[in-house]
Protein backbone atom coordinates (compact mmCIF):
# COMPACT_ATOMS: atom_id res chain seq x y z
CA UNK A 1 -17.96 8.03 -61.48
CA UNK A 2 -20.48 7.62 -58.72
CA UNK A 3 -17.98 6.59 -56.10
CA UNK A 4 -14.77 8.59 -55.96
CA UNK A 5 -13.31 7.32 -52.69
CA UNK A 6 -12.33 3.78 -53.65
CA UNK A 7 -9.80 1.58 -51.89
CA UNK A 8 -7.24 0.69 -54.63
CA UNK A 9 -6.31 -2.62 -52.95
CA UNK A 10 -9.88 -3.90 -52.94
CA UNK A 11 -9.93 -4.89 -56.61
CA UNK A 12 -13.14 -2.94 -57.03
CA UNK A 13 -14.15 -1.93 -60.52
CA UNK A 14 -16.46 1.06 -60.17
CA UNK A 15 -18.41 0.60 -63.40
CA UNK A 16 -19.25 -3.06 -62.79
CA UNK A 17 -20.15 -2.74 -59.12
CA UNK A 18 -22.14 0.43 -59.59
CA UNK A 19 -24.25 -1.37 -62.21
CA UNK A 20 -25.20 -4.00 -59.64
CA UNK A 21 -25.95 -1.35 -57.04
CA UNK A 22 -28.07 0.61 -59.52
CA UNK A 23 -29.89 -2.55 -60.62
CA UNK A 24 -30.72 -3.57 -57.04
CA UNK A 25 -31.77 -0.02 -56.16
CA UNK A 26 -34.03 0.09 -59.22
CA UNK A 27 -35.57 -3.26 -58.30
CA UNK A 28 -36.21 -1.99 -54.77
CA UNK A 29 -37.78 1.17 -56.13
CA UNK A 30 -39.97 -0.67 -58.63
CA UNK A 31 -41.05 -3.51 -56.34
CA UNK A 32 -42.83 -1.12 -53.97
CA UNK A 33 -45.29 0.33 -56.52
CA UNK A 34 -45.55 -3.14 -58.07
CA UNK A 35 -46.69 -4.51 -54.74
CA UNK A 36 -49.21 -1.69 -54.36
CA UNK A 37 -50.54 -2.31 -57.88
CA UNK A 38 -50.85 -6.05 -57.26
CA UNK A 39 -52.74 -5.39 -54.02
CA UNK A 40 -55.14 -3.01 -55.74
CA UNK A 41 -55.82 -5.46 -58.56
CA UNK A 42 -56.40 -8.22 -56.03
CA UNK A 43 -58.73 -5.98 -54.01
CA UNK A 44 -60.85 -5.17 -57.06
CA UNK A 45 -60.95 -8.83 -58.05
CA UNK A 46 -61.90 -10.20 -54.60
CA UNK A 47 -64.12 -7.50 -53.14
CA UNK A 48 -67.85 -7.81 -53.43
CA UNK A 49 -70.58 -6.05 -51.46
CA UNK A 50 -71.56 -7.86 -48.30
CA UNK A 51 -68.26 -9.74 -48.00
CA UNK A 52 -66.52 -9.52 -44.65
CA UNK A 53 -63.29 -7.50 -44.93
CA UNK A 54 -61.30 -10.21 -43.12
CA UNK A 55 -61.90 -12.54 -46.06
CA UNK A 56 -59.78 -10.43 -48.37
CA UNK A 57 -57.56 -8.41 -46.01
CA UNK A 58 -55.77 -11.36 -44.43
CA UNK A 59 -54.98 -13.21 -47.68
CA UNK A 60 -53.91 -9.93 -49.26
CA UNK A 61 -51.63 -9.17 -46.35
CA UNK A 62 -50.01 -12.61 -46.25
CA UNK A 63 -49.82 -13.29 -50.00
CA UNK A 64 -49.15 -9.86 -51.50
CA UNK A 65 -48.05 -7.18 -49.03
CA UNK A 66 -45.62 -9.15 -46.87
CA UNK A 67 -43.73 -10.85 -49.73
CA UNK A 68 -43.68 -7.62 -51.78
CA UNK A 69 -42.40 -5.48 -48.94
CA UNK A 70 -39.88 -8.17 -47.96
CA UNK A 71 -38.55 -8.20 -51.54
CA UNK A 72 -38.27 -4.40 -51.47
CA UNK A 73 -36.37 -4.53 -48.20
CA UNK A 74 -34.02 -7.28 -49.44
CA UNK A 75 -33.25 -5.41 -52.67
CA UNK A 76 -32.65 -2.14 -50.82
CA UNK A 77 -30.42 -3.68 -48.16
CA UNK A 78 -28.45 -5.59 -50.80
CA UNK A 79 -27.85 -2.40 -52.78
CA UNK A 80 -26.81 -0.57 -49.62
CA UNK A 81 -24.46 -3.37 -48.54
CA UNK A 82 -22.83 -3.60 -51.97
CA UNK A 83 -22.40 0.15 -52.08
CA UNK A 84 -20.83 0.23 -48.60
CA UNK A 85 -18.60 -2.74 -49.37
CA UNK A 86 -17.40 -1.17 -52.63
CA UNK A 87 -16.45 2.04 -50.88
CA UNK A 88 -14.50 0.16 -48.24
CA UNK A 89 -16.58 1.50 -45.33
């Protein structure tokens, strides 16, 4: 078991809760390189010589980086909160 200090009155089932925590942690871990990959693909697609950098940096920041990093943060905080709640901390 991943979590050995469990409050017996909480009704926590370690195998079920740890699956959710692992799933959310995996999503957080995978969404970060996914965001980077999406930004690189977008950069290659949009960039052309002579184009002002502001024309592709700002849309990339607002449409790719911010939502991707926000999703990573939400997944990570959700996994952390579920893990803490399951342990009874």
